[in-house]
Protein backbone atom coordinates (compact mmCIF):
# COMPACT_ATOMS: atom_id res chain seq x y z
CA MET A 1 2.35 0.01 150.57
CA ASN A 2 5.15 -0.88 152.74
CA ASP A 3 5.54 -0.50 156.76
CA ILE A 4 6.49 3.04 156.41
CA ALA A 5 3.88 4.95 153.95
CA THR A 6 1.24 3.19 155.94
CA GLN A 7 2.68 4.41 159.47
CA GLU A 8 2.72 7.80 157.66
CA LYS A 9 -0.92 7.58 155.59
CA TRP A 10 -2.85 7.15 159.36
CA ASP A 11 -0.54 9.24 161.44
CA ARG A 12 -2.20 12.01 159.08
CA ILE A 13 -5.56 10.09 159.51
CA TYR A 14 -4.64 10.58 163.71
CA ALA A 15 -3.53 14.26 163.52
CA ALA A 16 -7.06 15.91 162.34
CA ALA A 17 -8.49 14.26 165.30
CA ASP A 18 -9.63 16.62 168.26
CA LYS A 19 -11.35 14.53 170.67
CA PRO A 20 -11.40 10.58 172.11
CA PRO A 21 -13.96 8.77 169.16
CA GLN A 22 -17.02 7.53 170.71
CA THR A 23 -17.76 4.90 168.43
CA VAL A 24 -16.89 1.51 170.42
CA CYS A 25 -17.07 -1.59 167.68
CA ARG A 26 -20.17 -3.17 166.72
CA VAL A 27 -19.40 -6.72 167.65
CA LEU A 28 -17.37 -5.07 171.38
CA GLU A 29 -20.40 -3.19 171.86
CA GLU A 30 -23.61 -5.66 170.93
CA ASN A 31 -21.47 -8.53 172.83
CA ALA A 32 -20.29 -6.57 176.44
CA HIS A 33 -22.09 -9.19 178.29
CA LEU A 34 -20.00 -11.51 177.48
CA LEU A 35 -16.38 -9.69 178.08
CA PRO A 36 -15.36 -10.83 181.95
CA ALA A 37 -14.85 -8.91 184.87
CA LYS A 38 -11.17 -8.91 185.13
CA GLY A 39 -7.83 -10.13 182.68
CA THR A 40 -6.17 -8.03 180.62
CA ALA A 41 -7.54 -6.57 176.78
CA LEU A 42 -5.85 -6.31 174.05
CA ASP A 43 -7.20 -3.27 171.85
CA LEU A 44 -5.00 -4.60 168.36
CA ALA A 45 -4.62 -1.65 165.52
CA CYS A 46 -6.22 0.40 168.19
CA GLY A 47 -6.74 3.70 166.17
CA LEU A 48 -7.83 6.07 168.79
CA GLY A 49 -8.86 4.17 170.96
CA ALA A 50 -11.97 4.03 170.95
CA ASN A 51 -12.68 0.27 171.76
CA ALA A 52 -9.44 0.03 174.91
CA PHE A 53 -10.94 2.73 175.90
CA PHE A 54 -14.02 0.73 176.09
CA LEU A 55 -13.45 -2.16 177.50
CA ALA A 56 -10.77 0.29 180.91
CA GLU A 57 -14.77 0.79 181.46
CA ASN A 58 -15.95 -2.79 182.33
CA GLY A 59 -12.94 -3.50 184.18
CA LEU A 60 -9.96 -4.50 182.58
CA LYS A 61 -6.09 -3.80 182.17
CA THR A 62 -5.86 -2.65 178.69
CA LEU A 63 -3.38 -2.79 176.33
CA GLY A 64 -3.72 -0.87 173.01
CA TRP A 65 -1.37 -1.55 169.85
CA ASP A 66 -0.76 1.02 166.61
CA ILE A 67 1.76 0.96 163.87
CA SER A 68 1.41 5.37 164.41
CA PRO A 69 2.80 7.33 167.14
CA VAL A 70 0.07 10.33 166.57
CA ALA A 71 -2.44 7.26 167.64
CA VAL A 72 -0.81 6.39 170.86
CA ARG A 73 0.68 9.54 172.44
CA ARG A 74 -3.13 10.58 171.59
CA VAL A 75 -4.30 7.04 173.60
CA GLU A 76 -2.67 7.49 176.01
CA GLU A 77 -3.07 11.64 176.26
CA TRP A 78 -6.80 11.11 176.73
CA ALA A 79 -5.97 7.11 178.68
CA GLN A 80 -4.82 9.88 181.38
CA GLN A 81 -7.36 12.41 181.43
CA ARG A 82 -9.75 10.23 182.04
CA LYS A 83 -8.33 8.61 184.27
CA LEU A 84 -8.11 5.19 182.16
CA PRO A 85 -5.87 1.78 182.97
CA VAL A 86 -5.16 1.78 179.40
CA GLN A 87 -0.99 1.70 178.19
CA ALA A 88 -1.37 3.22 174.40
CA GLU A 89 2.62 1.73 172.76
CA VAL A 90 3.74 1.75 169.58
CA ARG A 91 3.80 -1.56 167.22
CA ASP A 92 3.60 -3.25 164.78
CA VAL A 93 2.64 -7.06 165.40
CA LEU A 94 4.18 -8.44 161.75
CA VAL A 95 7.46 -7.43 162.89
CA ASP A 96 7.10 -7.72 165.94
CA PRO A 97 3.80 -10.46 167.14
CA LEU A 98 2.51 -11.41 170.31
CA LEU A 99 3.28 -13.67 172.93
CA GLN A 100 2.20 -16.88 173.88
CA GLU A 101 -1.15 -16.52 176.44
CA GLU A 102 -1.16 -13.40 177.03
CA PHE A 103 -4.35 -11.90 176.58
CA ASP A 104 -7.62 -12.66 178.25
CA VAL A 105 -9.85 -10.40 175.40
CA ILE A 106 -8.57 -9.71 172.09
CA VAL A 107 -10.39 -6.98 169.57
CA VAL A 108 -9.91 -6.34 166.12
CA ALA A 109 -11.46 -3.65 164.73
CA HIS A 110 -11.09 -2.98 160.57
CA PHE A 111 -7.72 -4.31 160.09
CA LEU A 112 -6.65 -7.96 158.62
CA ASP A 113 -4.14 -9.65 157.64
CA ARG A 114 -4.55 -13.01 157.49
CA SER A 115 -0.71 -14.18 158.95
CA LEU A 116 -1.07 -13.03 162.35
CA VAL A 117 -4.17 -15.60 162.48
CA PRO A 118 -1.81 -19.24 164.69
CA HIS A 119 -0.58 -15.91 166.78
CA LEU A 120 -4.04 -14.15 168.08
CA ILE A 121 -5.03 -17.25 168.58
CA ASN A 122 -1.85 -18.23 170.87
CA ALA A 123 -2.26 -15.41 172.97
CA LEU A 124 -5.07 -15.70 174.04
CA ARG A 125 -4.92 -17.43 177.60
CA PRO A 126 -8.02 -20.69 177.41
CA GLY A 127 -10.68 -18.98 178.28
CA GLY A 128 -9.43 -16.32 176.41
CA LEU A 129 -11.87 -14.22 174.30
CA LEU A 130 -11.55 -13.05 170.70
CA PHE A 131 -13.50 -9.40 169.36
CA TYR A 132 -13.51 -9.89 165.29
CA GLN A 133 -14.51 -7.40 162.56
CA THR A 134 -13.76 -6.53 159.72
CA PHE A 135 -15.10 -5.51 156.08
CA THR A 136 -16.82 -8.34 153.27
CA ARG A 137 -15.76 -8.40 150.19
CA ASN A 138 -19.54 -8.73 149.92
CA LYS A 139 -19.64 -5.69 151.29
CA LEU A 140 -22.80 -2.97 150.04
CA THR A 141 -21.27 0.55 150.28
CA ALA A 142 -17.60 2.05 149.28
CA SER A 143 -16.21 2.47 152.65
CA GLY A 144 -13.48 -0.06 154.03
CA PRO A 145 -10.76 -1.10 152.15
CA SER A 146 -11.17 -1.11 147.89
CA ASN A 147 -8.10 -4.52 148.04
CA ALA A 148 -9.43 -7.57 148.50
CA GLU A 149 -7.34 -9.06 150.27
CA PHE A 150 -8.09 -7.05 153.32
CA LEU A 151 -11.50 -8.18 152.68
CA LEU A 152 -12.81 -10.81 153.95
CA SER A 153 -14.36 -14.29 152.50
CA GLU A 154 -17.79 -15.96 152.94
CA ASN A 155 -17.59 -17.44 156.26
CA GLU A 156 -13.84 -16.17 156.81
CA LEU A 157 -13.85 -15.58 159.93
CA LEU A 158 -15.65 -18.92 161.20
CA ARG A 159 -12.69 -20.56 159.34
CA LEU A 160 -9.17 -18.31 160.05
CA PHE A 161 -10.53 -19.07 163.53
CA ALA A 162 -12.29 -23.37 162.99
CA PRO A 163 -9.34 -23.44 166.43
CA LEU A 164 -11.55 -20.95 168.59
CA SER A 165 -14.97 -22.03 170.14
CA ALA A 166 -17.30 -19.06 167.98
CA LEU A 167 -19.90 -17.74 170.40
CA VAL A 168 -21.37 -15.07 168.46
CA TYR A 169 -21.37 -15.21 164.36
CA ARG A 170 -22.38 -12.54 161.82
CA ASP A 171 -21.69 -12.36 158.58
CA GLU A 172 -25.43 -10.95 155.99
CA GLY A 173 -24.07 -10.73 152.95
CA ARG A 174 -26.60 -9.53 150.71
CA VAL A 175 -29.70 -11.87 152.17
CA GLY A 176 -33.05 -10.05 152.67
CA ASP A 177 -33.56 -6.39 153.64
CA ILE A 178 -30.37 -4.80 152.33
CA THR A 179 -31.58 -0.95 154.50
CA ARG A 180 -31.87 -3.34 157.46
CA GLY A 181 -28.79 -5.55 159.82
CA MET A 182 -25.14 -5.78 159.69
CA ARG A 183 -24.05 -5.35 156.54
CA SER A 184 -20.54 -5.35 154.39
CA GLU A 185 -18.48 -6.87 157.96
CA ALA A 186 -18.34 -9.94 159.37
CA MET A 187 -17.96 -10.15 163.43
CA LEU A 188 -16.89 -13.40 165.48
CA VAL A 189 -16.31 -13.31 169.08
CA ALA A 190 -14.90 -16.40 169.57
CA GLN A 191 -13.10 -18.66 172.93
CA LYS A 192 -10.20 -20.81 172.67
CA ALA A 193 -10.83 -23.83 174.97
CA VAL A 194 -9.99 -24.24 178.88
CA ARG A 195 -7.86 -26.18 180.26
CA ARG A 196 -8.82 -29.51 181.58
């Protein structure tokens, strides 16, 4: 799917939303205690901004980037209504990548483009945190993409972000009682080394 088709697809989906989303990605919600007290955060591929609003509510100056102008307009509108420091921007990071050491926190949920990994790592400031969660190839449900290109292989997040120090990792696959735990997705919280 090309960028215009992708944008149009998400524009249609987001146009149907009539209220701000309430569901924060699990990796962020369960590990919010790791967030810094202040700093600049990015919600990449922010959609309707649930993660961006959560970051701002936790004291971070937050940017929300998405390819969909419809999503960005909604995020800006809802951020103003809630008086939250969230700045939304239409940005295709595949065309316009991140800058060096720009963020203290980066959140990526349900978006996977492996070519962005070096840019994400470089965009973290020393000591910065990456919160990443997306679907796996070993999923138990039809949720998420069907194209394997957009699905993680086993332990792939650990390999992709090996230059960072893993703080939290979950990829439970099909082990044990598959009716419990975190299935069909993997999550990672990782930190960039602090310069000495």
